[in-house]
Protein backbone atom coordinates (compact mmCIF):
# COMPACT_ATOMS: atom_id res chain seq x y z
CA UNK A 1 46.45 22.68 -28.11
CA UNK A 2 47.42 23.79 -24.59
CA UNK A 3 46.55 20.62 -22.54
CA UNK A 4 46.99 22.32 -19.20
CA UNK A 5 44.73 25.21 -20.11
CA UNK A 6 42.15 22.87 -21.60
CA UNK A 7 42.17 20.60 -18.50
CA UNK A 8 41.68 23.50 -16.15
CA UNK A 9 38.79 24.69 -18.22
CA UNK A 10 37.37 21.29 -18.24
CA UNK A 11 37.64 21.05 -14.43
CA UNK A 12 36.00 24.51 -14.04
CA UNK A 13 33.01 23.52 -16.24
CA UNK A 14 32.52 20.27 -14.32
CA UNK A 15 32.76 22.15 -10.98
CA UNK A 16 30.30 24.82 -12.15
CA UNK A 17 27.87 21.99 -12.88
CA UNK A 18 28.28 20.68 -9.44
CA UNK A 19 27.49 24.02 -7.93
CA UNK A 20 23.93 23.74 -9.34
CA UNK A 21 23.34 20.51 -7.24
CA UNK A 22 25.40 21.31 -4.25
CA UNK A 23 22.69 23.33 -2.48
CA UNK A 24 20.09 20.62 -3.00
CA UNK A 25 21.89 17.54 -1.64
CA UNK A 26 25.22 16.28 -0.13
CA UNK A 27 28.09 15.14 -2.25
CA UNK A 28 27.51 11.45 -1.81
CA UNK A 29 24.20 11.97 -3.66
CA UNK A 30 24.99 14.64 -6.25
CA UNK A 31 28.03 12.93 -7.51
CA UNK A 32 25.82 10.27 -9.07
CA UNK A 33 23.89 12.84 -11.15
CA UNK A 34 26.93 14.75 -12.26
CA UNK A 35 29.10 11.77 -13.08
CA UNK A 36 26.19 10.03 -14.79
CA UNK A 37 25.49 12.96 -16.98
CA UNK A 38 29.16 13.47 -17.80
CA UNK A 39 29.33 9.76 -18.92
CA UNK A 40 26.17 10.10 -20.95
CA UNK A 41 27.50 13.08 -22.81
CA UNK A 42 30.78 11.31 -23.42
CA UNK A 43 28.92 8.35 -24.92
CA UNK A 44 26.68 10.53 -27.08
CA UNK A 45 29.34 12.85 -28.44
CA UNK A 46 31.73 10.04 -29.11
CA UNK A 47 29.07 8.17 -31.07
CA UNK A 48 28.27 11.29 -33.11
CA UNK A 49 31.84 11.98 -34.07
CA UNK A 50 32.38 8.40 -35.00
CA UNK A 51 29.17 8.41 -37.30
CA UNK A 52 30.53 11.54 -38.97
CA UNK A 53 33.82 9.81 -39.66
CA UNK A 54 32.13 6.66 -41.04
CA UNK A 55 29.97 8.86 -43.26
CA UNK A 56 33.21 10.47 -44.55
CA UNK A 57 32.25 13.86 -43.24
CA UNK A 58 34.62 14.22 -40.27
CA UNK A 59 34.14 17.28 -37.95
CA UNK A 60 35.18 18.75 -34.68
CA UNK A 61 31.70 20.42 -34.22
CA UNK A 62 29.28 18.18 -32.36
CA UNK A 63 26.25 20.12 -33.67
CA UNK A 64 27.41 19.34 -37.15
CA UNK A 65 28.17 15.80 -36.34
CA UNK A 66 24.64 15.45 -35.00
CA UNK A 67 23.13 16.97 -38.22
CA UNK A 68 25.23 14.40 -40.37
CA UNK A 69 24.07 11.57 -38.06
CA UNK A 70 20.38 12.65 -38.03
CA UNK A 71 20.28 12.89 -41.83
CA UNK A 72 21.87 9.50 -42.40
CA UNK A 73 19.79 7.80 -39.54
CA UNK A 74 16.63 8.94 -41.43
CA UNK A 75 17.90 7.79 -44.91
CA UNK A 76 16.63 4.28 -45.59
CA UNK A 77 19.63 3.46 -47.77
CA UNK A 78 22.22 4.46 -45.05
CA UNK A 79 20.29 3.57 -41.83
CA UNK A 80 20.95 -0.17 -41.40
CA UNK A 81 24.67 -0.17 -42.36
CA UNK A 82 25.36 2.87 -40.13
CA UNK A 83 23.67 1.37 -37.06
CA UNK A 84 25.42 -1.95 -37.56
CA UNK A 85 28.83 -0.13 -37.80
CA UNK A 86 28.13 1.99 -34.61
CA UNK A 87 26.99 -1.10 -32.57
CA UNK A 88 30.06 -3.10 -33.82
CA UNK A 89 32.32 -0.27 -32.44
CA UNK A 90 30.39 0.82 -29.23
CA UNK A 91 27.87 -1.98 -28.55
CA UNK A 92 25.24 0.85 -28.18
CA UNK A 93 23.50 3.20 -30.55
CA UNK A 94 21.56 6.35 -29.41
CA UNK A 95 18.74 7.55 -31.63
CA UNK A 96 19.17 11.16 -32.83
CA UNK A 97 16.40 12.67 -30.61
CA UNK A 98 17.81 11.06 -27.46
CA UNK A 99 21.49 12.31 -27.99
CA UNK A 100 22.75 14.82 -25.49
CA UNK A 101 23.12 17.40 -28.30
CA UNK A 102 19.48 17.19 -29.29
CA UNK A 103 18.30 17.23 -25.70
CA UNK A 104 20.21 20.47 -25.02
CA UNK A 105 18.60 21.93 -28.16
CA UNK A 106 15.18 20.99 -26.70
CA UNK A 107 16.14 22.69 -23.39
CA UNK A 108 16.76 26.01 -25.22
CA UNK A 109 13.46 25.70 -27.13
CA UNK A 110 11.50 24.84 -23.95
CA UNK A 111 10.49 21.21 -25.03
CA UNK A 112 12.81 19.21 -23.01
CA UNK A 113 11.31 16.47 -20.85
CA UNK A 114 13.06 14.27 -18.25
CA UNK A 115 11.33 11.17 -19.54
CA UNK A 116 13.39 11.45 -22.75
CA UNK A 117 16.62 11.53 -20.73
CA UNK A 118 15.43 8.51 -18.70
CA UNK A 119 14.70 6.74 -22.05
CA UNK A 120 18.19 7.41 -23.35
CA UNK A 121 19.66 5.95 -20.13
CA UNK A 122 17.42 2.83 -20.48
CA UNK A 123 18.38 2.28 -24.15
CA UNK A 124 22.08 2.53 -23.41
CA UNK A 125 21.81 0.13 -20.39
CA UNK A 126 19.71 -2.38 -22.55
CA UNK A 127 22.16 -2.26 -25.43
CA UNK A 128 24.87 -4.54 -23.91
CA UNK A 129 25.77 -6.02 -20.52
CA UNK A 130 28.83 -3.71 -20.66
CA UNK A 131 26.38 -0.85 -19.84
CA UNK A 132 23.92 -2.75 -17.75
CA UNK A 133 22.55 -0.70 -14.81
CA UNK A 134 25.22 2.03 -15.22
CA UNK A 135 22.73 4.79 -14.73
CA UNK A 136 20.66 3.22 -11.82
CA UNK A 137 21.86 5.81 -9.25
CA UNK A 138 20.75 8.69 -11.38
CA UNK A 139 17.27 9.13 -9.96
CA UNK A 140 15.60 11.63 -12.31
CA UNK A 141 12.40 11.59 -10.33
CA UNK A 142 13.88 12.41 -6.88
CA UNK A 143 12.12 15.22 -4.99
CA UNK A 144 15.57 16.57 -4.11
CA UNK A 145 15.90 17.88 -7.68
CA UNK A 146 12.73 19.88 -7.17
CA UNK A 147 9.31 19.63 -5.50
CA UNK A 148 7.57 19.47 -8.73
CA UNK A 149 8.34 17.73 -12.04
CA UNK A 150 8.84 21.23 -13.58
CA UNK A 151 11.43 22.14 -11.00
CA UNK A 152 13.26 18.90 -11.35
CA UNK A 153 13.27 19.38 -15.14
CA UNK A 154 14.82 22.83 -14.63
CA UNK A 155 17.53 21.51 -12.31
CA UNK A 156 18.62 18.89 -14.76
CA UNK A 157 18.34 21.35 -17.61
CA UNK A 158 20.77 23.78 -15.87
CA UNK A 159 23.30 21.07 -15.23
CA UNK A 160 23.08 19.88 -18.95
CA UNK A 161 23.56 23.48 -20.23
CA UNK A 162 26.72 23.77 -18.15
CA UNK A 163 27.99 20.41 -19.41
CA UNK A 164 27.17 21.36 -23.04
CA UNK A 165 30.16 23.68 -22.88
CA UNK A 166 32.41 20.67 -22.80
CA UNK A 167 33.89 19.90 -26.23
CA UNK A 168 34.84 16.25 -25.89
CA UNK A 169 36.38 16.21 -29.40
CA UNK A 170 39.14 18.37 -27.90
CA UNK A 171 40.15 15.91 -25.18
CA UNK A 172 41.94 12.64 -25.23
CA UNK A 173 40.40 9.77 -23.31
CA UNK A 174 42.92 10.04 -20.53
CA UNK A 175 42.50 13.75 -20.09
CA UNK A 176 38.60 13.40 -19.84
CA UNK A 177 39.13 10.37 -17.56
CA UNK A 178 41.52 12.37 -15.36
CA UNK A 179 39.02 15.17 -15.07
CA UNK A 180 36.40 12.68 -14.22
CA UNK A 181 38.70 11.37 -11.44
CA UNK A 182 39.37 14.97 -10.36
CA UNK A 183 35.56 15.27 -9.73
CA UNK A 184 35.56 11.99 -7.83
CA UNK A 185 38.39 13.39 -5.62
CA UNK A 186 36.50 16.55 -5.06
CA UNK A 187 33.34 14.59 -4.10
CA UNK A 188 35.51 12.52 -1.76
CA UNK A 189 36.78 15.67 -0.07
CA UNK A 190 33.17 16.99 0.21
CA UNK A 191 31.62 13.82 1.61
CA UNK A 192 34.31 13.15 4.24
CA UNK A 193 34.03 9.88 5.98
CA UNK A 194 31.96 8.11 3.20
CA UNK A 195 34.74 8.87 0.73
CA UNK A 196 36.84 5.90 1.92
CA UNK A 197 34.23 3.73 0.11
CA UNK A 198 35.36 4.89 -3.27
CA UNK A 199 38.55 6.89 -3.47
CA UNK A 200 42.21 6.67 -2.67
CA UNK A 201 43.96 10.16 -2.66
CA UNK A 202 46.16 10.42 -5.80
CA UNK A 203 49.41 10.91 -4.02
CA UNK A 204 49.06 7.57 -2.22
CA UNK A 205 47.87 5.96 -5.42
CA UNK A 206 50.88 7.33 -7.30
CA UNK A 207 53.31 6.05 -4.69
CA UNK A 208 51.86 2.56 -4.56
CA UNK A 209 51.69 2.28 -8.38
CA UNK A 210 55.28 3.33 -8.90
CA UNK A 211 56.36 0.72 -6.30
CA UNK A 212 54.55 -2.20 -8.08
CA UNK A 213 55.57 -1.15 -11.50
CA UNK A 214 59.25 -0.42 -10.84
CA UNK A 215 61.41 -2.27 -13.37
CA UNK A 216 58.34 -3.48 -15.25
CA UNK A 217 57.39 -0.41 -16.98
CA UNK A 218 58.01 -1.93 -20.41
CA UNK A 219 56.09 -5.21 -19.70
CA UNK A 220 53.28 -5.91 -22.21
CA UNK A 221 50.08 -7.37 -20.95
CA UNK A 222 50.78 -6.35 -17.39
CA UNK A 223 47.99 -7.53 -15.06
CA UNK A 224 46.92 -5.56 -11.96
CA UNK A 225 44.34 -6.64 -9.32
CA UNK A 226 42.36 -4.56 -6.68
CA UNK A 227 40.10 -6.61 -4.59
CA UNK A 228 38.58 -3.49 -2.99
CA UNK A 229 38.75 -1.34 -6.09
CA UNK A 230 36.29 1.52 -5.18
CA UNK A 231 35.99 3.80 -8.19
CA UNK A 232 38.96 2.12 -9.84
CA UNK A 233 41.38 5.11 -9.50
CA UNK A 234 44.05 3.07 -7.84
CA UNK A 235 44.00 0.50 -10.70
CA UNK A 236 43.94 3.20 -13.36
CA UNK A 237 47.12 4.81 -12.05
CA UNK A 238 48.99 1.89 -13.62
CA UNK A 239 48.53 3.59 -17.11
CA UNK A 240 50.54 6.63 -15.89
CA UNK A 241 53.73 4.55 -15.05
CA UNK A 242 53.59 1.88 -17.90
CA UNK A 243 55.19 2.24 -21.35
CA UNK A 244 52.62 -0.13 -22.64
CA UNK A 245 49.38 1.34 -21.08
CA UNK A 246 46.95 0.01 -23.73
CA UNK A 247 47.93 -3.57 -23.00
CA UNK A 248 47.35 -3.49 -19.15
CA UNK A 249 44.55 -5.82 -18.01
CA UNK A 250 42.56 -4.63 -14.99
CA UNK A 251 40.97 -6.94 -12.49
CA UNK A 252 38.83 -5.50 -9.78
CA UNK A 253 36.16 -6.41 -7.27
CA UNK A 254 33.86 -4.02 -5.25
CA UNK A 255 31.11 -4.80 -2.75
CA UNK A 256 29.16 -1.48 -3.17
CA UNK A 257 27.17 -1.68 -6.36
CA UNK A 258 27.10 2.15 -6.87
CA UNK A 259 30.79 2.36 -6.56
CA UNK A 260 31.23 -0.65 -8.82
CA UNK A 261 29.23 1.20 -11.49
CA UNK A 262 31.51 4.29 -10.95
CA UNK A 263 34.59 2.16 -11.57
CA UNK A 264 33.02 0.80 -14.89
CA UNK A 265 32.36 4.39 -16.04
CA UNK A 266 35.87 5.37 -15.00
CA UNK A 267 37.37 2.64 -17.07
CA UNK A 268 35.46 3.59 -20.18
CA UNK A 269 36.22 7.34 -19.76
CA UNK A 270 39.92 6.32 -19.56
CA UNK A 271 39.51 4.58 -22.92
CA UNK A 272 40.28 1.17 -21.53
CA UNK A 273 39.25 -1.47 -24.04
CA UNK A 274 36.37 -3.72 -23.13
CA UNK A 275 38.57 -6.75 -23.35
CA UNK A 276 40.97 -5.29 -20.73
CA UNK A 277 38.24 -4.64 -18.10
CA UNK A 278 37.51 -7.43 -15.69
CA UNK A 279 35.38 -5.99 -12.89
CA UNK A 280 33.21 -7.92 -10.41
CA UNK A 281 30.50 -6.77 -7.93
CA UNK A 282 30.65 -8.99 -4.76
CA UNK A 283 32.01 -9.38 -1.26
CA UNK A 284 35.82 -9.97 -1.64
CA UNK A 285 36.29 -11.91 1.76
CA UNK A 286 33.01 -13.81 1.55
CA UNK A 287 33.38 -14.79 -1.99
CA UNK A 288 36.85 -15.35 -3.56
CA UNK A 289 37.28 -13.94 -7.09
CA UNK A 290 38.63 -14.53 -9.59
CA UNK A 291 38.49 -18.38 -9.48
CA UNK A 292 38.94 -18.94 -13.10
CA UNK A 293 42.06 -18.16 -15.10
CA UNK A 294 43.86 -15.86 -14.74
CA UNK A 295 43.77 -16.02 -10.89
CA UNK A 296 47.24 -14.49 -10.15
CA UNK A 297 48.49 -11.07 -11.15
CA UNK A 298 51.71 -9.11 -11.71
CA UNK A 299 50.66 -6.55 -9.31
CA UNK A 300 48.15 -6.30 -6.38
CA UNK A 301 47.12 -2.85 -5.23
CA UNK A 302 44.68 -2.45 -2.28
CA UNK A 303 43.33 0.15 0.10
CA UNK A 304 40.69 -1.90 2.00
CA UNK A 305 38.42 -0.45 4.71
CA UNK A 306 40.40 -0.25 7.80
CA UNK A 307 39.67 -2.71 10.64
CA UNK A 308 36.40 -3.72 9.14
CA UNK A 309 34.30 -6.54 10.61
CA UNK A 310 33.94 -9.91 8.83
CA UNK A 311 32.56 -13.24 9.79
CA UNK A 312 35.84 -15.11 10.45
CA UNK A 313 33.78 -18.33 10.15
CA UNK A 314 35.82 -21.40 10.94
CA UNK A 315 35.16 -22.78 7.41
CA UNK A 316 37.65 -20.14 6.14
CA UNK A 317 40.40 -22.27 7.70
CA UNK A 318 39.98 -24.60 4.88
CA UNK A 319 39.93 -21.74 2.28
CA UNK A 320 43.20 -21.76 0.33
CA UNK A 321 43.60 -18.03 0.78
CA UNK A 322 43.93 -18.49 4.61
CA UNK A 323 44.68 -22.13 5.19
CA UNK A 324 48.56 -21.84 5.21
CA UNK A 325 48.43 -19.58 8.32
CA UNK A 326 46.52 -21.78 10.82
CA UNK A 327 44.52 -18.81 12.19
CA UNK A 328 42.01 -16.23 10.86
CA UNK A 329 42.06 -12.50 11.20
CA UNK A 330 39.79 -11.50 14.14
CA UNK A 331 36.08 -10.81 13.57
CA UNK A 332 36.52 -7.17 14.57
CA UNK A 333 39.61 -6.45 12.32
CA UNK A 334 39.64 -7.91 8.80
CA UNK A 335 42.84 -6.22 7.85
CA UNK A 336 44.99 -9.37 7.58
CA UNK A 337 42.02 -11.11 5.81
CA UNK A 338 42.23 -8.56 3.03
CA UNK A 339 46.03 -8.77 2.87
CA UNK A 340 46.03 -12.60 2.64
CA UNK A 341 43.30 -12.53 0.03
CA UNK A 342 45.33 -10.07 -2.17
CA UNK A 343 48.55 -11.93 -1.53
CA UNK A 344 47.01 -15.23 -2.56
CA UNK A 345 46.32 -13.76 -6.00
CA UNK A 346 49.87 -12.46 -6.37
CA UNK A 347 52.16 -14.16 -9.11
CA UNK A 348 55.37 -15.68 -7.75
CA UNK A 349 57.37 -12.82 -9.31
CA UNK A 350 54.66 -10.19 -8.51
CA UNK A 351 54.64 -7.19 -6.15
CA UNK A 352 51.73 -6.26 -3.76
CA UNK A 353 51.26 -2.84 -2.01
CA UNK A 354 48.42 -2.50 0.46
CA UNK A 355 47.45 0.36 2.73
CA UNK A 356 46.56 -0.62 6.31
CA UNK A 357 46.25 0.93 9.85
CA UNK A 358 49.44 0.75 11.95
CA UNK A 359 47.84 -1.84 14.15
CA UNK A 360 48.73 -4.67 11.73
CA UNK A 361 52.42 -3.98 12.57
CA UNK A 362 52.25 -4.75 16.21
CA UNK A 363 48.86 -6.37 17.31
CA UNK A 364 49.22 -9.77 18.87
CA UNK A 365 47.16 -12.95 19.05
CA UNK A 366 45.95 -14.22 15.62
CA UNK A 367 47.33 -11.09 13.82
CA UNK A 368 50.74 -11.71 15.48
CA UNK A 369 50.80 -15.32 14.35
CA UNK A 370 49.87 -14.33 10.72
CA UNK A 371 52.56 -11.58 10.75
CA UNK A 372 55.20 -13.95 12.10
CA UNK A 373 54.35 -16.52 9.39
CA UNK A 374 54.68 -13.92 6.67
CA UNK A 375 57.99 -12.79 8.09
CA UNK A 376 59.46 -16.23 8.38
CA UNK A 377 58.65 -16.80 4.87
CA UNK A 378 60.32 -13.61 3.84
CA UNK A 379 57.20 -12.30 2.23
CA UNK A 380 57.22 -8.78 3.73
CA UNK A 381 59.56 -6.71 1.70
CA UNK A 382 58.97 -3.21 3.01
CA UNK A 383 56.95 -1.14 5.46
CA UNK A 384 56.33 2.46 4.75
CA UNK A 385 54.85 4.76 7.38
CA UNK A 386 52.66 7.44 5.87
CA UNK A 387 51.71 10.83 7.33
CA UNK A 388 48.60 11.25 9.46
CA UNK A 389 45.46 12.92 7.97
CA UNK A 390 46.07 12.26 4.29
CA UNK A 391 42.96 10.17 3.71
CA UNK A 392 39.44 11.46 3.45
CA UNK A 393 37.86 8.87 5.68
CA UNK A 394 40.31 8.94 8.68
CA UNK A 395 42.85 11.12 10.33
CA UNK A 396 44.84 8.21 11.72
CA UNK A 397 48.41 7.49 10.21
CA UNK A 398 48.50 4.54 7.95
CA UNK A 399 51.20 2.21 6.49
CA UNK A 400 51.93 0.72 3.10
CA UNK A 401 53.03 -2.87 3.36
CA UNK A 402 54.85 -4.19 0.30
CA UNK A 403 54.96 -7.98 -0.21
CA UNK A 404 56.79 -10.26 -2.45
CA UNK A 405 56.63 -14.10 -2.83
CA UNK A 406 59.95 -15.08 -4.28
CA UNK A 407 62.84 -13.63 -2.12
CA UNK A 408 66.34 -14.97 -1.20
CA UNK A 409 66.41 -12.91 2.15
CA UNK A 410 63.97 -12.15 4.88
CA UNK A 411 65.13 -8.63 5.65
CA UNK A 412 62.53 -5.72 5.73
CA UNK A 413 63.04 -2.20 4.67
CA UNK A 414 61.37 0.37 6.93
CA UNK A 415 60.78 3.88 5.66
CA UNK A 416 59.32 6.53 8.11
CA UNK A 417 57.58 8.92 5.66
CA UNK A 418 55.40 10.37 8.39
CA UNK A 419 56.95 13.83 7.97
CA UNK A 420 56.62 13.74 4.12
CA UNK A 421 53.74 16.15 3.76
CA UNK A 422 52.73 19.76 3.62
CA UNK A 423 49.93 21.13 5.81
CA UNK A 424 46.53 21.61 4.06
CA UNK A 425 43.33 23.33 5.15
CA UNK A 426 41.43 20.21 5.82
CA UNK A 427 44.05 17.50 5.40
CA UNK A 428 47.72 17.02 4.91
CA UNK A 429 49.06 16.70 1.33
CA UNK A 430 51.94 14.68 -0.19
CA UNK A 431 53.60 16.51 -3.02
CA UNK A 432 55.35 14.90 -6.05
CA UNK A 433 58.67 15.63 -4.36
CA UNK A 434 57.61 13.77 -1.25
CA UNK A 435 56.53 10.80 -3.36
CA UNK A 436 59.80 10.73 -5.30
CA UNK A 437 61.80 10.88 -2.16
CA UNK A 438 59.97 7.77 -0.82
CA UNK A 439 60.32 5.90 -4.13
CA UNK A 440 64.05 6.67 -4.40
CA UNK A 441 64.49 5.39 -0.83
CA UNK A 442 62.46 2.20 -1.69
CA UNK A 443 64.59 1.53 -4.79
CA UNK A 444 67.98 2.25 -3.22
CA UNK A 445 67.17 0.16 -0.15
CA UNK A 446 69.82 1.70 2.09
CA UNK A 447 70.04 2.78 5.72
CA UNK A 448 69.41 6.56 5.97
CA UNK A 449 69.61 8.19 9.37
CA UNK A 450 66.11 9.03 10.76
CA UNK A 451 64.36 8.02 7.48
CA UNK A 452 65.04 4.46 6.49
CA UNK A 453 66.46 1.12 8.06
CA UNK A 454 66.94 -2.30 6.71
CA UNK A 455 66.24 -4.83 9.51
CA UNK A 456 67.54 -8.34 9.08
CA UNK A 457 65.43 -11.31 10.23
CA UNK A 458 67.56 -11.59 13.50
CA UNK A 459 66.67 -8.01 14.41
CA UNK A 460 62.97 -8.62 13.68
CA UNK A 461 63.01 -11.92 15.64
CA UNK A 462 64.64 -10.08 18.54
CA UNK A 463 61.70 -7.63 18.47
CA UNK A 464 59.21 -10.57 18.75
CA UNK A 465 58.13 -9.88 15.07
CA UNK A 466 56.76 -6.51 16.12
CA UNK A 467 57.13 -4.20 12.97
CA UNK A 468 56.26 -0.91 14.77
CA UNK A 469 58.36 1.52 12.74
CA UNK A 470 59.89 3.54 15.71
CA UNK A 471 61.55 0.27 16.87
CA UNK A 472 63.61 0.43 13.69
CA UNK A 473 63.70 4.07 12.58
CA UNK A 474 64.79 6.43 15.30
CA UNK A 475 63.49 9.95 14.52
CA UNK A 476 64.14 11.41 17.95
CA UNK A 477 65.61 14.90 17.68
CA UNK A 478 67.65 16.16 20.77
CA UNK A 479 66.71 19.64 21.84
CA UNK A 480 69.52 22.17 21.50
CA UNK A 481 71.38 22.75 24.72
CA UNK A 482 70.28 25.81 26.72
CA UNK A 483 72.76 28.71 26.91
CA UNK A 484 72.50 29.67 30.75
CA UNK A 485 74.36 32.97 30.35
CA UNK A 486 72.19 34.03 27.37
CA UNK A 487 69.10 32.95 29.15
CA UNK A 488 70.12 35.09 32.25
CA UNK A 489 70.65 38.12 30.13
CA UNK A 490 67.19 37.61 28.52
CA UNK A 491 65.47 37.29 31.95
CA UNK A 492 67.16 40.49 33.16
CA UNK A 493 65.99 42.36 30.08
CA UNK A 494 62.47 41.12 30.55
CA UNK A 495 62.50 42.08 34.19
CA UNK A 496 63.69 45.60 33.26
CA UNK A 497 60.92 45.93 30.73
CA UNK A 498 58.31 44.86 33.29
CA UNK A 499 59.51 47.48 35.84
CA UNK A 500 59.42 50.14 33.07
CA UNK A 501 55.89 49.27 32.07
CA UNK A 502 54.77 49.32 35.82
CA UNK A 503 56.25 52.82 36.18
CA UNK A 504 54.47 53.97 33.12
CA UNK A 505 51.18 52.52 34.25
CA UNK A 506 51.49 54.14 37.69
CA UNK A 507 52.24 57.45 36.05
CA UNK A 508 49.02 57.21 34.00
CA UNK A 509 47.01 56.25 37.04
CA UNK A 510 48.40 59.21 38.93
CA UNK A 511 46.91 61.59 36.28
CA UNK A 512 43.45 60.17 36.87
CA UNK A 513 40.84 61.13 39.36
CA UNK A 514 40.80 58.25 41.80
CA UNK A 515 37.83 57.61 44.06
CA UNK A 516 37.97 55.27 47.06
CA UNK A 517 35.90 52.70 45.13
CA UNK A 518 38.20 52.72 42.04
CA UNK A 519 41.32 52.58 44.30
CA UNK A 520 40.61 49.07 45.37
CA UNK A 521 39.90 47.95 41.72
CA UNK A 522 43.28 49.62 40.59
CA UNK A 523 45.33 47.93 43.38
CA UNK A 524 43.80 44.57 42.47
CA UNK A 525 44.63 45.12 38.79
CA UNK A 526 48.18 46.03 39.71
CA UNK A 527 48.53 42.71 41.79
CA UNK A 528 47.32 40.81 38.70
CA UNK A 529 49.78 42.63 36.57
CA UNK A 530 52.76 41.84 38.84
CA UNK A 531 51.65 38.14 39.19
CA UNK A 532 51.32 37.66 35.42
CA UNK A 533 54.68 39.38 34.72
């Protein structure tokens, strides 16, 4: 199988499905329908293929798998054992007439009803807490799908017919999961500012993940935590850089319920086992989690909302996440509150990477005190300046701060990667070559002119604990000296060209019939010509 070709075909089918909904609502809304239906088809097809295997009639044809399942489901001798086997494997069981395959058949014969699809969603959600409320954002009765039930029926039917072209038997869990993530990224691009709620661009996610996994690629049972996980894409990148991907345990918390459900679907579509998913729907700063073992992790990855507001209630001074620093992040800027929360949940030998606005590097008052305390303890390991306009939700330049708890020195590596990008249509893009250059600089930890600098603690102290990158990495480029002789020659040539053009213009005017009225206009035009040249 040509994986690249299949992946592109998968992307195209998914995007064609989105086209049907794009004219009816914006991306922040239609993503719920499309991702929900993709997920439903995945669950349905996976169950049908499994049933065919259990019944010892394996097949790669989903229609045939449906026929095998339907026959056994209605066989009194096979029914009970088959259902028990399926529920033991998946925790859910979809009755034959509510499978995706059967519903598409009913679409083509004109008997499809949205209520059947809604029932399928309800049955899956009720089967186990693993699937509870997963389809709650798929509003099948929304007027946006159509002004009448018939039109809504038609819209969903068209989407399902497109998705029916997907042969999930031909895809590994990761490939389908990556395609799902591709769609999330496309929705993020389409929905602009709102995208920050659920997606970290893949280049940034790749960079951060390689940093926290460096030297630990072979570790079994690696634990990774994201307290502002969005759709879970940042967490799931750990699979790509671990040699033991099936043993990774994911811990994530998300405030937005819709986005939390998206992360749950994303985990399942990437074939993450249920026992390795530990996701929580709550306010990270207001409610610490996890509070039961394990509470500390091998890696912490975070891309929190930038300079968000939070309560900064004085009671938090007693909270173990913040109590060691004597002050709280200001109400108007929760950046350091998120950082300290994540850092609190880092193992002593762990590595944390967090994306933040540049203000955390130099702002004073409470933030200055927290930054000074972290530096005095040697916790800040590296500061990486990213290019501007690489995120969907902001055009401002951002920084990745890397933190470690157990260090023998207090120096800080500064990397100015602000020029590591290629210009895109709507936003700047970081290529794999750019990412590799930054990762190599991080690993080598050397001074490189105009790119990296290792600042010892004395230098940082001399700068009043200000970590603004230009203080440490000088990227100033002197302009080339001007050749006066060459410039003089160039000016003479330009002057000669102007005079020649003026003579040609006068010659042309001499051939025209000139009235007194037009004479003044011509003279005025000549004055403008001389002035501009």
